[in-house]
Amino acid sequence: MVNIIFMGPPGSGKGTQSVMLASELAIPTISTGEVLRKEVEMKSEIGIRAKDFMNSGQLVPDEVVVDIIKNRIIEKDCDNGFIVDGFPRNISQAIVFDQMMESLNKTVDIVFDFAIDDEILVKRISGRFSCLKCGAIYNSHFKKTDKEGVCDTCESTEFVNRPDDNKDSVTKRLQVYHATADDLMEHYEKKNLLYSIDALKSVSSIFGRLIEIVQGLSKNNN
């Protein structure tokens, strides 16, 4: 059993890797946004509480967010472990999450930090564009179409950019991330749980490193 947290700025590739690792280990990936939406849609007691805060324009309190995650963690498919992607977001959430895990007699076993230079991230995200017809994704800095203005996959000439994938928006998102990330990394480093992952490497290389670390932990625990 292994319980994992994925940390990293937007565009670092942690979402892709969390899905791959979850499939390999046969454990679920937990996204706070998805879990929150599910509780609200189900009109559960905690979902109603969360919606009240959202409707009034307030942030959902850390305790409520953690309770929502708790409801997900106690489900049967999490018995052999889970991956939490992008949570906790700040040190107060981390502390409440630690307390919740302790109450369930569970522990966080690994925290993966996807490290990448901000300048490269800005280019990686702001340079993204996709084919309007088939959805193939390209990048004006790193992965251009073979023939300018023509999709390699379907030969369409229509492309689209996400509205929030502009340089100013990306820079602000990174500033928000860094405002809390250092404290989080220090928190998990003190617990000897933090592993830095070079997010510039290939998808297969990163995945291999994740597997290596997880398998190493499993051997040490046996």
N, C-alpha and C. Protein backbone atom coordinates (compact mmCIF):
# COMPACT_ATOMS: atom_id res chain seq x y z
N MET A 1 0.84 -1.20 0.00
CA MET A 1 0.00 0.00 0.00
C MET A 1 0.87 1.24 0.00
N VAL A 2 0.53 2.23 -0.84
CA VAL A 2 1.31 3.45 -0.89
C VAL A 2 0.39 4.64 -1.14
N ASN A 3 0.54 5.67 -0.30
CA ASN A 3 -0.25 6.89 -0.43
C ASN A 3 0.69 8.02 -0.88
N ILE A 4 0.34 8.65 -1.98
CA ILE A 4 1.25 9.57 -2.66
C ILE A 4 0.62 10.93 -2.87
N ILE A 5 1.43 11.98 -2.73
CA ILE A 5 1.02 13.35 -3.06
C ILE A 5 1.87 13.82 -4.25
N PHE A 6 1.22 14.41 -5.23
CA PHE A 6 1.92 15.03 -6.36
C PHE A 6 1.88 16.54 -6.19
N MET A 7 3.05 17.16 -6.16
CA MET A 7 3.17 18.61 -6.12
C MET A 7 3.85 19.10 -7.39
N GLY A 8 3.57 20.32 -7.77
CA GLY A 8 4.24 20.89 -8.93
C GLY A 8 3.42 22.02 -9.52
N PRO A 9 4.08 22.95 -10.17
CA PRO A 9 3.37 24.08 -10.77
C PRO A 9 2.54 23.66 -11.97
N PRO A 10 1.60 24.50 -12.40
CA PRO A 10 0.81 24.18 -13.59
C PRO A 10 1.71 24.01 -14.80
N GLY A 11 1.45 22.96 -15.59
CA GLY A 11 2.25 22.72 -16.77
C GLY A 11 3.48 21.87 -16.55
N SER A 12 3.66 21.38 -15.32
CA SER A 12 4.86 20.60 -14.99
C SER A 12 4.73 19.14 -15.42
N GLY A 13 3.53 18.73 -15.83
CA GLY A 13 3.32 17.36 -16.29
C GLY A 13 2.87 16.39 -15.22
N LYS A 14 2.60 16.88 -14.01
CA LYS A 14 2.24 15.97 -12.93
C LYS A 14 0.88 15.29 -13.16
N GLY A 15 -0.03 15.98 -13.86
CA GLY A 15 -1.32 15.37 -14.15
C GLY A 15 -1.19 14.13 -15.01
N THR A 16 -0.37 14.24 -16.04
CA THR A 16 -0.13 13.10 -16.93
C THR A 16 0.50 11.94 -16.17
N GLN A 17 1.50 12.26 -15.36
CA GLN A 17 2.21 11.21 -14.63
C GLN A 17 1.35 10.58 -13.54
N SER A 18 0.48 11.35 -12.91
CA SER A 18 -0.37 10.80 -11.86
C SER A 18 -1.33 9.75 -12.44
N VAL A 19 -1.85 10.03 -13.63
CA VAL A 19 -2.75 9.07 -14.30
C VAL A 19 -1.99 7.79 -14.65
N MET A 20 -0.77 7.95 -15.19
CA MET A 20 0.04 6.79 -15.57
C MET A 20 0.42 5.94 -14.37
N LEU A 21 0.85 6.61 -13.29
CA LEU A 21 1.27 5.89 -12.09
C LEU A 21 0.09 5.20 -11.41
N ALA A 22 -1.04 5.88 -11.38
CA ALA A 22 -2.24 5.29 -10.77
C ALA A 22 -2.64 4.03 -11.51
N SER A 23 -2.55 4.06 -12.84
CA SER A 23 -2.89 2.88 -13.64
C SER A 23 -1.91 1.74 -13.37
N GLU A 24 -0.62 2.08 -13.28
CA GLU A 24 0.41 1.07 -13.03
C GLU A 24 0.25 0.41 -11.67
N LEU A 25 -0.11 1.20 -10.66
CA LEU A 25 -0.22 0.69 -9.29
C LEU A 25 -1.63 0.21 -8.95
N ALA A 26 -2.57 0.42 -9.88
CA ALA A 26 -3.98 0.04 -9.67
C ALA A 26 -4.57 0.72 -8.44
N ILE A 27 -4.29 2.02 -8.33
CA ILE A 27 -4.86 2.84 -7.26
C ILE A 27 -5.47 4.08 -7.89
N PRO A 28 -6.43 4.72 -7.22
CA PRO A 28 -7.08 5.89 -7.83
C PRO A 28 -6.29 7.18 -7.67
N THR A 29 -6.53 8.09 -8.60
CA THR A 29 -6.03 9.46 -8.48
C THR A 29 -7.15 10.32 -7.94
N ILE A 30 -6.85 11.13 -6.94
CA ILE A 30 -7.87 11.98 -6.33
C ILE A 30 -7.60 13.43 -6.70
N SER A 31 -8.54 14.03 -7.40
CA SER A 31 -8.48 15.45 -7.75
C SER A 31 -9.45 16.19 -6.85
N THR A 32 -8.97 17.18 -6.12
CA THR A 32 -9.84 17.90 -5.17
C THR A 32 -11.01 18.56 -5.89
N GLY A 33 -10.75 19.10 -7.08
CA GLY A 33 -11.82 19.75 -7.82
C GLY A 33 -12.93 18.79 -8.19
N GLU A 34 -12.54 17.61 -8.67
CA GLU A 34 -13.53 16.60 -9.06
C GLU A 34 -14.31 16.09 -7.86
N VAL A 35 -13.62 15.83 -6.76
CA VAL A 35 -14.27 15.32 -5.55
C VAL A 35 -15.24 16.36 -5.00
N LEU A 36 -14.81 17.62 -5.03
CA LEU A 36 -15.67 18.71 -4.54
C LEU A 36 -16.93 18.82 -5.38
N ARG A 37 -16.78 18.78 -6.70
CA ARG A 37 -17.94 18.87 -7.60
C ARG A 37 -18.90 17.70 -7.37
N LYS A 38 -18.35 16.51 -7.13
CA LYS A 38 -19.18 15.33 -6.91
C LYS A 38 -20.03 15.48 -5.65
N GLU A 39 -19.42 15.97 -4.57
CA GLU A 39 -20.16 16.14 -3.31
C GLU A 39 -21.26 17.19 -3.46
N VAL A 40 -20.96 18.25 -4.21
CA VAL A 40 -21.96 19.30 -4.44
C VAL A 40 -23.11 18.75 -5.27
N GLU A 41 -22.80 17.98 -6.32
CA GLU A 41 -23.82 17.40 -7.18
C GLU A 41 -24.70 16.40 -6.42
N MET A 42 -24.06 15.63 -5.50
CA MET A 42 -24.80 14.64 -4.71
C MET A 42 -25.65 15.29 -3.63
N LYS A 43 -25.41 16.58 -3.39
CA LYS A 43 -26.11 17.33 -2.34
C LYS A 43 -25.93 16.66 -0.99
N SER A 44 -24.71 16.15 -0.76
CA SER A 44 -24.39 15.57 0.54
C SER A 44 -24.29 16.69 1.57
N GLU A 45 -24.26 16.32 2.83
CA GLU A 45 -24.18 17.34 3.89
C GLU A 45 -22.95 18.22 3.72
N ILE A 46 -21.82 17.58 3.45
CA ILE A 46 -20.58 18.36 3.30
C ILE A 46 -20.57 19.11 1.97
N GLY A 47 -21.23 18.55 0.95
CA GLY A 47 -21.34 19.24 -0.33
C GLY A 47 -22.16 20.51 -0.22
N ILE A 48 -23.22 20.45 0.58
CA ILE A 48 -24.08 21.63 0.81
C ILE A 48 -23.28 22.70 1.55
N ARG A 49 -22.48 22.28 2.54
CA ARG A 49 -21.64 23.24 3.27
C ARG A 49 -20.67 23.93 2.33
N ALA A 50 -20.04 23.13 1.47
CA ALA A 50 -19.08 23.69 0.53
C ALA A 50 -19.75 24.65 -0.44
N LYS A 51 -20.93 24.28 -0.92
CA LYS A 51 -21.64 25.12 -1.89
C LYS A 51 -22.03 26.46 -1.29
N ASP A 52 -22.38 26.46 0.00
CA ASP A 52 -22.74 27.71 0.68
C ASP A 52 -21.58 28.71 0.62
N PHE A 53 -20.38 28.19 0.86
CA PHE A 53 -19.20 29.07 0.80
C PHE A 53 -18.96 29.54 -0.64
N MET A 54 -19.10 28.62 -1.59
CA MET A 54 -18.85 28.95 -2.99
C MET A 54 -19.85 29.98 -3.50
N ASN A 55 -21.12 29.81 -3.13
CA ASN A 55 -22.17 30.73 -3.58
C ASN A 55 -22.01 32.13 -3.02
N SER A 56 -21.37 32.21 -1.84
CA SER A 56 -21.16 33.53 -1.23
C SER A 56 -19.83 34.14 -1.64
N GLY A 57 -19.14 33.46 -2.58
CA GLY A 57 -17.89 34.00 -3.10
C GLY A 57 -16.69 33.78 -2.19
N GLN A 58 -16.84 32.91 -1.19
CA GLN A 58 -15.74 32.64 -0.26
C GLN A 58 -15.00 31.36 -0.66
N LEU A 59 -13.75 31.27 -0.24
CA LEU A 59 -12.99 30.04 -0.42
C LEU A 59 -13.55 28.97 0.53
N VAL A 60 -13.61 27.75 0.05
CA VAL A 60 -14.05 26.65 0.91
C VAL A 60 -12.97 26.43 1.97
N PRO A 61 -13.32 26.47 3.28
CA PRO A 61 -12.32 26.32 4.34
C PRO A 61 -11.53 25.02 4.24
N ASP A 62 -10.29 25.06 4.72
CA ASP A 62 -9.41 23.89 4.64
C ASP A 62 -10.05 22.66 5.26
N GLU A 63 -10.71 22.85 6.41
CA GLU A 63 -11.31 21.72 7.12
C GLU A 63 -12.38 21.03 6.27
N VAL A 64 -13.15 21.84 5.54
CA VAL A 64 -14.21 21.28 4.69
C VAL A 64 -13.60 20.53 3.51
N VAL A 65 -12.58 21.12 2.91
CA VAL A 65 -11.90 20.47 1.78
C VAL A 65 -11.31 19.13 2.22
N VAL A 66 -10.67 19.11 3.38
CA VAL A 66 -10.06 17.89 3.88
C VAL A 66 -11.13 16.85 4.20
N ASP A 67 -12.26 17.28 4.75
CA ASP A 67 -13.36 16.34 5.03
C ASP A 67 -13.88 15.72 3.73
N ILE A 68 -13.92 16.51 2.67
CA ILE A 68 -14.38 16.00 1.39
C ILE A 68 -13.39 14.95 0.87
N ILE A 69 -12.11 15.22 1.02
CA ILE A 69 -11.09 14.26 0.60
C ILE A 69 -11.15 13.01 1.47
N LYS A 70 -11.43 13.20 2.75
CA LYS A 70 -11.57 12.06 3.67
C LYS A 70 -12.67 11.12 3.19
N ASN A 71 -13.81 11.68 2.78
CA ASN A 71 -14.91 10.87 2.28
C ASN A 71 -14.49 10.02 1.09
N ARG A 72 -13.56 10.57 0.30
CA ARG A 72 -13.08 9.82 -0.88
C ARG A 72 -12.07 8.75 -0.47
N ILE A 73 -11.19 9.07 0.47
CA ILE A 73 -10.14 8.16 0.89
C ILE A 73 -10.69 6.91 1.58
N ILE A 74 -11.81 7.05 2.27
CA ILE A 74 -12.36 5.89 3.00
C ILE A 74 -13.15 4.94 2.08
N GLU A 75 -13.25 5.29 0.79
CA GLU A 75 -13.90 4.38 -0.14
C GLU A 75 -13.01 3.16 -0.41
N LYS A 76 -13.63 2.07 -0.78
CA LYS A 76 -12.95 0.77 -0.88
C LYS A 76 -11.77 0.79 -1.84
N ASP A 77 -11.88 1.53 -2.95
CA ASP A 77 -10.81 1.48 -3.95
C ASP A 77 -9.53 2.17 -3.50
N CYS A 78 -9.58 2.84 -2.33
CA CYS A 78 -8.38 3.49 -1.79
C CYS A 78 -7.67 2.62 -0.74
N ASP A 79 -8.18 1.39 -0.51
CA ASP A 79 -7.60 0.52 0.52
C ASP A 79 -6.13 0.21 0.25
N ASN A 80 -5.75 0.13 -1.03
CA ASN A 80 -4.36 -0.19 -1.37
C ASN A 80 -3.52 1.04 -1.69
N GLY A 81 -4.10 2.20 -1.43
CA GLY A 81 -3.36 3.44 -1.66
C GLY A 81 -4.08 4.38 -2.60
N PHE A 82 -3.50 5.55 -2.79
CA PHE A 82 -4.10 6.57 -3.65
C PHE A 82 -3.05 7.61 -4.00
N ILE A 83 -3.37 8.40 -5.02
CA ILE A 83 -2.53 9.55 -5.38
C ILE A 83 -3.39 10.80 -5.28
N VAL A 84 -2.94 11.79 -4.52
CA VAL A 84 -3.63 13.07 -4.44
C VAL A 84 -2.87 14.05 -5.33
N ASP A 85 -3.54 14.58 -6.32
CA ASP A 85 -2.90 15.46 -7.30
C ASP A 85 -3.24 16.92 -7.01
N GLY A 86 -2.20 17.70 -6.64
CA GLY A 86 -2.39 19.13 -6.44
C GLY A 86 -2.99 19.52 -5.11
N PHE A 87 -2.88 18.67 -4.13
CA PHE A 87 -3.36 18.96 -2.77
C PHE A 87 -2.40 18.29 -1.79
N PRO A 88 -2.11 18.94 -0.67
CA PRO A 88 -2.56 20.25 -0.21
C PRO A 88 -1.91 21.41 -0.97
N ARG A 89 -2.58 22.55 -0.92
CA ARG A 89 -2.10 23.73 -1.64
C ARG A 89 -1.36 24.71 -0.73
N ASN A 90 -1.49 24.54 0.57
CA ASN A 90 -0.78 25.43 1.50
C ASN A 90 -0.48 24.67 2.79
N ILE A 91 0.31 25.27 3.65
CA ILE A 91 0.79 24.58 4.84
C ILE A 91 -0.34 24.27 5.82
N SER A 92 -1.34 25.14 5.90
CA SER A 92 -2.46 24.88 6.82
C SER A 92 -3.26 23.67 6.35
N GLN A 93 -3.45 23.53 5.04
CA GLN A 93 -4.13 22.35 4.51
C GLN A 93 -3.31 21.09 4.79
N ALA A 94 -2.00 21.21 4.68
CA ALA A 94 -1.12 20.06 4.92
C ALA A 94 -1.24 19.57 6.36
N ILE A 95 -1.30 20.50 7.29
CA ILE A 95 -1.38 20.14 8.71
C ILE A 95 -2.73 19.46 9.01
N VAL A 96 -3.81 20.04 8.49
CA VAL A 96 -5.13 19.44 8.70
C VAL A 96 -5.20 18.06 8.03
N PHE A 97 -4.59 17.95 6.85
CA PHE A 97 -4.56 16.68 6.12
C PHE A 97 -3.78 15.62 6.91
N ASP A 98 -2.65 16.01 7.50
CA ASP A 98 -1.86 15.10 8.34
C ASP A 98 -2.71 14.57 9.50
N GLN A 99 -3.45 15.47 10.13
CA GLN A 99 -4.28 15.08 11.27
C GLN A 99 -5.39 14.13 10.84
N MET A 100 -5.98 14.41 9.68
CA MET A 100 -7.04 13.54 9.16
C MET A 100 -6.50 12.15 8.85
N MET A 101 -5.32 12.10 8.20
CA MET A 101 -4.72 10.81 7.87
C MET A 101 -4.41 10.01 9.14
N GLU A 102 -3.92 10.69 10.14
CA GLU A 102 -3.61 10.04 11.42
C GLU A 102 -4.88 9.46 12.04
N SER A 103 -5.99 10.18 11.92
CA SER A 103 -7.26 9.71 12.49
C SER A 103 -7.74 8.44 11.79
N LEU A 104 -7.28 8.22 10.55
CA LEU A 104 -7.66 7.03 9.80
C LEU A 104 -6.59 5.94 9.89
N ASN A 105 -5.57 6.18 10.71
CA ASN A 105 -4.43 5.26 10.83
C ASN A 105 -3.73 5.05 9.49
N LYS A 106 -3.65 6.13 8.72
CA LYS A 106 -2.96 6.11 7.44
C LYS A 106 -1.82 7.11 7.47
N THR A 107 -0.89 6.97 6.53
CA THR A 107 0.23 7.90 6.43
C THR A 107 0.44 8.31 4.97
N VAL A 108 1.01 9.50 4.79
CA VAL A 108 1.51 9.88 3.47
C VAL A 108 2.88 9.24 3.35
N ASP A 109 3.11 8.50 2.27
CA ASP A 109 4.35 7.75 2.12
C ASP A 109 5.37 8.45 1.23
N ILE A 110 4.90 9.12 0.19
CA ILE A 110 5.78 9.78 -0.78
C ILE A 110 5.15 11.09 -1.22
N VAL A 111 5.98 12.13 -1.33
CA VAL A 111 5.56 13.39 -1.94
C VAL A 111 6.50 13.67 -3.11
N PHE A 112 5.94 13.66 -4.31
CA PHE A 112 6.73 13.95 -5.51
C PHE A 112 6.59 15.43 -5.86
N ASP A 113 7.72 16.12 -5.96
CA ASP A 113 7.71 17.53 -6.37
C ASP A 113 8.26 17.63 -7.79
N PHE A 114 7.43 18.06 -8.73
CA PHE A 114 7.84 18.19 -10.12
C PHE A 114 8.49 19.56 -10.32
N ALA A 115 9.82 19.54 -10.40
CA ALA A 115 10.60 20.78 -10.46
C ALA A 115 10.91 21.17 -11.89
N ILE A 116 10.66 22.43 -12.21
CA ILE A 116 10.92 22.94 -13.56
C ILE A 116 11.07 24.45 -13.51
N ASP A 117 11.92 24.99 -14.35
CA ASP A 117 12.18 26.43 -14.37
C ASP A 117 10.95 27.19 -14.86
N ASP A 118 10.66 28.32 -14.20
CA ASP A 118 9.47 29.11 -14.55
C ASP A 118 9.48 29.59 -16.00
N GLU A 119 10.63 30.01 -16.46
CA GLU A 119 10.72 30.54 -17.83
C GLU A 119 10.32 29.48 -18.86
N ILE A 120 10.76 28.25 -18.60
CA ILE A 120 10.41 27.15 -19.50
C ILE A 120 8.92 26.83 -19.39
N LEU A 121 8.39 26.89 -18.18
CA LEU A 121 6.96 26.64 -17.99
C LEU A 121 6.11 27.65 -18.73
N VAL A 122 6.50 28.91 -18.67
CA VAL A 122 5.74 29.95 -19.37
C VAL A 122 5.70 29.65 -20.86
N LYS A 123 6.84 29.25 -21.42
CA LYS A 123 6.89 28.89 -22.84
C LYS A 123 6.07 27.64 -23.12
N ARG A 124 6.15 26.67 -22.20
CA ARG A 124 5.44 25.41 -22.39
C ARG A 124 3.93 25.62 -22.41
N ILE A 125 3.43 26.49 -21.52
CA ILE A 125 1.99 26.69 -21.42
C ILE A 125 1.49 27.73 -22.41
N SER A 126 2.16 28.89 -22.47
CA SER A 126 1.68 29.97 -23.34
C SER A 126 1.85 29.63 -24.82
N GLY A 127 2.75 28.68 -25.11
CA GLY A 127 2.97 28.29 -26.50
C GLY A 127 2.04 27.19 -26.99
N ARG A 128 1.17 26.68 -26.10
CA ARG A 128 0.30 25.57 -26.48
C ARG A 128 -0.81 26.00 -27.44
N PHE A 129 -1.08 25.17 -28.42
CA PHE A 129 -2.24 25.35 -29.27
C PHE A 129 -2.67 23.98 -29.76
N SER A 130 -3.93 23.85 -30.12
CA SER A 130 -4.44 22.53 -30.52
C SER A 130 -5.27 22.62 -31.79
N CYS A 131 -5.36 21.50 -32.46
CA CYS A 131 -6.16 21.40 -33.68
C CYS A 131 -7.64 21.43 -33.32
N LEU A 132 -8.38 22.31 -33.94
CA LEU A 132 -9.80 22.45 -33.64
C LEU A 132 -10.58 21.21 -34.06
N LYS A 133 -10.09 20.50 -35.08
CA LYS A 133 -10.81 19.35 -35.62
C LYS A 133 -10.54 18.06 -34.84
N CYS A 134 -9.25 17.72 -34.62
CA CYS A 134 -8.94 16.42 -33.98
C CYS A 134 -8.38 16.54 -32.56
N GLY A 135 -8.06 17.76 -32.13
CA GLY A 135 -7.59 17.96 -30.76
C GLY A 135 -6.11 17.73 -30.54
N ALA A 136 -5.35 17.44 -31.60
CA ALA A 136 -3.90 17.24 -31.46
C ALA A 136 -3.26 18.49 -30.87
N ILE A 137 -2.33 18.29 -29.92
CA ILE A 137 -1.74 19.41 -29.20
C ILE A 137 -0.33 19.70 -29.72
N TYR A 138 -0.04 20.98 -29.89
CA TYR A 138 1.27 21.42 -30.37
C TYR A 138 1.79 22.53 -29.46
N ASN A 139 3.02 22.98 -29.76
CA ASN A 139 3.61 24.08 -29.00
C ASN A 139 4.49 24.90 -29.94
N SER A 140 4.29 26.21 -29.92
CA SER A 140 5.01 27.08 -30.84
C SER A 140 6.51 27.14 -30.53
N HIS A 141 6.91 26.70 -29.32
CA HIS A 141 8.33 26.70 -28.95
C HIS A 141 8.96 25.31 -29.04
N PHE A 142 8.21 24.27 -28.67
CA PHE A 142 8.79 22.94 -28.52
C PHE A 142 8.26 21.88 -29.50
N LYS A 143 7.05 22.07 -30.00
CA LYS A 143 6.46 21.04 -30.87
C LYS A 143 5.59 21.70 -31.95
N LYS A 144 6.24 22.20 -32.97
CA LYS A 144 5.51 22.84 -34.05
C LYS A 144 4.97 21.78 -35.01
N THR A 145 4.01 22.19 -35.84
CA THR A 145 3.52 21.29 -36.88
C THR A 145 4.62 21.12 -37.92
N ASP A 146 4.64 19.95 -38.55
CA ASP A 146 5.66 19.70 -39.58
C ASP A 146 5.55 20.70 -40.72
N LYS A 147 4.31 20.96 -41.12
CA LYS A 147 4.06 21.96 -42.16
C LYS A 147 3.32 23.12 -41.51
N GLU A 148 3.87 24.31 -41.62
CA GLU A 148 3.30 25.47 -40.93
C GLU A 148 1.82 25.65 -41.25
N GLY A 149 1.02 25.74 -40.16
CA GLY A 149 -0.41 25.99 -40.32
C GLY A 149 -1.24 24.80 -40.70
N VAL A 150 -0.63 23.60 -40.70
CA VAL A 150 -1.37 22.39 -41.08
C VAL A 150 -1.17 21.30 -40.01
N CYS A 151 -2.28 20.73 -39.51
CA CYS A 151 -2.20 19.69 -38.48
C CYS A 151 -1.53 18.44 -39.04
N ASP A 152 -0.58 17.89 -38.31
CA ASP A 152 0.12 16.68 -38.74
C ASP A 152 -0.83 15.48 -38.81
N THR A 153 -1.83 15.46 -37.94
CA THR A 153 -2.72 14.30 -37.82
C THR A 153 -3.84 14.27 -38.85
N CYS A 154 -4.55 15.41 -38.96
CA CYS A 154 -5.74 15.40 -39.83
C CYS A 154 -5.68 16.43 -40.96
N GLU A 155 -4.59 17.19 -41.01
CA GLU A 155 -4.35 18.19 -42.06
C GLU A 155 -5.34 19.37 -42.02
N SER A 156 -5.99 19.54 -40.88
CA SER A 156 -6.85 20.72 -40.71
C SER A 156 -5.97 21.97 -40.61
N THR A 157 -6.54 23.10 -40.95
CA THR A 157 -5.79 24.36 -40.85
C THR A 157 -6.37 25.27 -39.77
N GLU A 158 -7.26 24.72 -38.95
CA GLU A 158 -7.88 25.51 -37.88
C GLU A 158 -7.32 25.09 -36.52
N PHE A 159 -6.82 26.07 -35.79
CA PHE A 159 -6.22 25.81 -34.49
C PHE A 159 -6.82 26.74 -33.44
N VAL A 160 -6.67 26.36 -32.18
CA VAL A 160 -7.24 27.16 -31.10
C VAL A 160 -6.28 27.20 -29.92
N ASN A 161 -6.29 28.33 -29.19
CA ASN A 161 -5.52 28.49 -27.95
C ASN A 161 -6.49 28.63 -26.79
N ARG A 162 -6.13 28.06 -25.64
CA ARG A 162 -6.95 28.27 -24.45
C ARG A 162 -6.81 29.72 -24.01
N PRO A 163 -7.92 30.39 -23.62
CA PRO A 163 -7.87 31.81 -23.26
C PRO A 163 -6.90 32.12 -22.11
N ASP A 164 -6.76 31.17 -21.16
CA ASP A 164 -5.91 31.43 -20.00
C ASP A 164 -4.46 30.99 -20.23
N ASP A 165 -4.16 30.53 -21.44
CA ASP A 165 -2.79 30.10 -21.74
C ASP A 165 -1.97 31.24 -22.36
N ASN A 166 -2.10 32.43 -21.79
CA ASN A 166 -1.28 33.55 -22.25
C ASN A 166 -0.21 33.85 -21.21
N LYS A 167 0.82 34.56 -21.61
CA LYS A 167 1.99 34.77 -20.75
C LYS A 167 1.64 35.41 -19.41
N ASP A 168 0.81 36.44 -19.42
CA ASP A 168 0.47 37.14 -18.17
C ASP A 168 -0.30 36.23 -17.22
N SER A 169 -1.27 35.49 -17.76
CA SER A 169 -2.07 34.59 -16.94
C SER A 169 -1.21 33.49 -16.33
N VAL A 170 -0.33 32.91 -17.16
CA VAL A 170 0.54 31.84 -16.69
C VAL A 170 1.48 32.35 -15.60
N THR A 171 2.04 33.54 -15.80
CA THR A 171 2.96 34.12 -14.81
C THR A 171 2.26 34.32 -13.47
N LYS A 172 1.02 34.78 -13.50
CA LYS A 172 0.25 35.00 -12.26
C LYS A 172 -0.03 33.66 -11.57
N ARG A 173 -0.37 32.63 -12.36
CA ARG A 173 -0.64 31.30 -11.79
C ARG A 173 0.61 30.74 -11.11
N LEU A 174 1.76 31.00 -11.70
CA LEU A 174 3.02 30.53 -11.11
C LEU A 174 3.34 31.30 -9.82
N GLN A 175 3.03 32.58 -9.81
CA GLN A 175 3.27 33.38 -8.60
C GLN A 175 2.41 32.88 -7.44
N VAL A 176 1.16 32.54 -7.74
CA VAL A 176 0.26 31.99 -6.72
C VAL A 176 0.81 30.67 -6.20
N TYR A 177 1.29 29.83 -7.10
CA TYR A 177 1.84 28.53 -6.70
C TYR A 177 3.05 28.69 -5.79
N HIS A 178 4.00 29.54 -6.21
CA HIS A 178 5.24 29.70 -5.45
C HIS A 178 5.03 30.36 -4.08
N ALA A 179 3.93 31.09 -3.94
CA ALA A 179 3.66 31.77 -2.68
C ALA A 179 3.48 30.79 -1.52
N THR A 180 3.07 29.56 -1.83
CA THR A 180 2.83 28.56 -0.78
C THR A 180 3.69 27.31 -0.92
N ALA A 181 4.29 27.11 -2.10
CA ALA A 181 4.99 25.85 -2.37
C ALA A 181 6.21 25.63 -1.48
N ASP A 182 6.97 26.70 -1.21
CA ASP A 182 8.20 26.55 -0.43
C ASP A 182 7.92 26.00 0.96
N ASP A 183 6.89 26.54 1.61
CA ASP A 183 6.53 26.07 2.96
C ASP A 183 6.09 24.61 2.93
N LEU A 184 5.35 24.25 1.89
CA LEU A 184 4.90 22.86 1.75
C LEU A 184 6.08 21.91 1.57
N MET A 185 7.02 22.30 0.71
CA MET A 185 8.18 21.44 0.47
C MET A 185 9.01 21.28 1.74
N GLU A 186 9.15 22.36 2.49
CA GLU A 186 9.89 22.28 3.75
C GLU A 186 9.18 21.36 4.73
N HIS A 187 7.86 21.42 4.76
CA HIS A 187 7.05 20.59 5.65
C HIS A 187 7.30 19.11 5.38
N TYR A 188 7.27 18.73 4.10
CA TYR A 188 7.43 17.32 3.75
C TYR A 188 8.89 16.88 3.74
N GLU A 189 9.78 17.83 3.53
CA GLU A 189 11.21 17.50 3.58
C GLU A 189 11.61 17.13 5.00
N LYS A 190 11.06 17.84 5.99
CA LYS A 190 11.33 17.54 7.39
C LYS A 190 10.83 16.14 7.77
N LYS A 191 9.82 15.67 7.07
CA LYS A 191 9.28 14.33 7.32
C LYS A 191 9.98 13.26 6.48
N ASN A 192 10.99 13.69 5.70
CA ASN A 192 11.75 12.77 4.82
C ASN A 192 10.84 12.08 3.80
N LEU A 193 9.86 12.83 3.29
CA LEU A 193 8.91 12.27 2.33
C LEU A 193 9.08 12.85 0.93
N LEU A 194 9.87 13.92 0.81
CA LEU A 194 9.93 14.68 -0.44
C LEU A 194 10.96 14.14 -1.42
N TYR A 195 10.51 13.92 -2.66
CA TYR A 195 11.39 13.50 -3.75
C TYR A 195 11.24 14.49 -4.90
N SER A 196 12.34 15.12 -5.29
CA SER A 196 12.31 16.08 -6.38
C SER A 196 12.42 15.33 -7.72
N ILE A 197 11.54 15.68 -8.65
CA ILE A 197 11.51 15.04 -9.97
C ILE A 197 11.84 16.10 -11.02
N ASP A 198 12.80 15.80 -11.88
CA ASP A 198 13.17 16.72 -12.96
C ASP A 198 12.09 16.66 -14.04
N ALA A 199 11.20 17.67 -14.04
CA ALA A 199 10.06 17.67 -14.95
C ALA A 199 10.43 18.00 -16.39
N LEU A 200 11.71 18.27 -16.64
CA LEU A 200 12.16 18.56 -18.01
C LEU A 200 12.47 17.29 -18.79
N LYS A 201 12.61 16.19 -18.08
CA LYS A 201 12.95 14.94 -18.75
C LYS A 201 11.74 14.39 -19.51
N SER A 202 11.97 13.37 -20.33
CA SER A 202 10.89 12.79 -21.14
C SER A 202 9.85 12.13 -20.24
N VAL A 203 8.65 11.97 -20.80
CA VAL A 203 7.55 11.35 -20.06
C VAL A 203 7.95 9.95 -19.58
N SER A 204 8.59 9.18 -20.44
CA SER A 204 8.97 7.81 -20.08
C SER A 204 10.07 7.80 -19.01
N SER A 205 11.00 8.74 -19.10
CA SER A 205 12.09 8.82 -18.12
C SER A 205 11.55 9.19 -16.75
N ILE A 206 10.65 10.15 -16.71
CA ILE A 206 10.04 10.57 -15.44
C ILE A 206 9.24 9.41 -14.84
N PHE A 207 8.47 8.75 -15.67
CA PHE A 207 7.65 7.64 -15.19
C PHE A 207 8.54 6.53 -14.61
N GLY A 208 9.63 6.25 -15.28
CA GLY A 208 10.56 5.24 -14.79
C GLY A 208 11.13 5.60 -13.43
N ARG A 209 11.42 6.88 -13.24
CA ARG A 209 11.95 7.35 -11.94
C ARG A 209 10.90 7.21 -10.84
N LEU A 210 9.65 7.53 -11.15
CA LEU A 210 8.57 7.39 -10.16
C LEU A 210 8.43 5.94 -9.72
N ILE A 211 8.43 5.03 -10.70
CA ILE A 211 8.31 3.60 -10.40
C ILE A 211 9.49 3.14 -9.54
N GLU A 212 10.68 3.60 -9.88
CA GLU A 212 11.89 3.23 -9.13
C GLU A 212 11.77 3.63 -7.67
N ILE A 213 11.27 4.83 -7.42
CA ILE A 213 11.13 5.33 -6.04
C ILE A 213 10.06 4.54 -5.29
N VAL A 214 8.93 4.31 -5.94
CA VAL A 214 7.84 3.56 -5.29
C VAL A 214 8.27 2.15 -4.96
N GLN A 215 8.95 1.48 -5.91
CA GLN A 215 9.40 0.12 -5.68
C GLN A 215 10.47 0.07 -4.58
N GLY A 216 11.32 1.09 -4.53
CA GLY A 216 12.34 1.16 -3.49
C GLY A 216 11.73 1.29 -2.11
N LEU A 217 10.68 2.09 -2.02
CA LEU A 217 9.98 2.25 -0.74
C LEU A 217 9.33 0.94 -0.33
N SER A 218 8.73 0.23 -1.30
CA SER A 218 8.04 -1.03 -1.00
C SER A 218 9.05 -2.08 -0.46
N LYS A 219 10.23 -2.11 -1.07
CA LYS A 219 11.26 -3.06 -0.62
C LYS A 219 11.71 -2.73 0.81
N ASN A 220 11.86 -1.45 1.09
CA ASN A 220 12.32 -1.04 2.43
C ASN A 220 11.28 -1.33 3.50
N ASN A 221 10.01 -1.36 3.08
CA ASN A 221 8.93 -1.60 4.06
C ASN A 221 8.66 -3.09 4.26
N ASN A 222 9.25 -3.92 3.41
CA ASN A 222 9.02 -5.37 3.54
C ASN A 222 10.09 -6.04 4.41
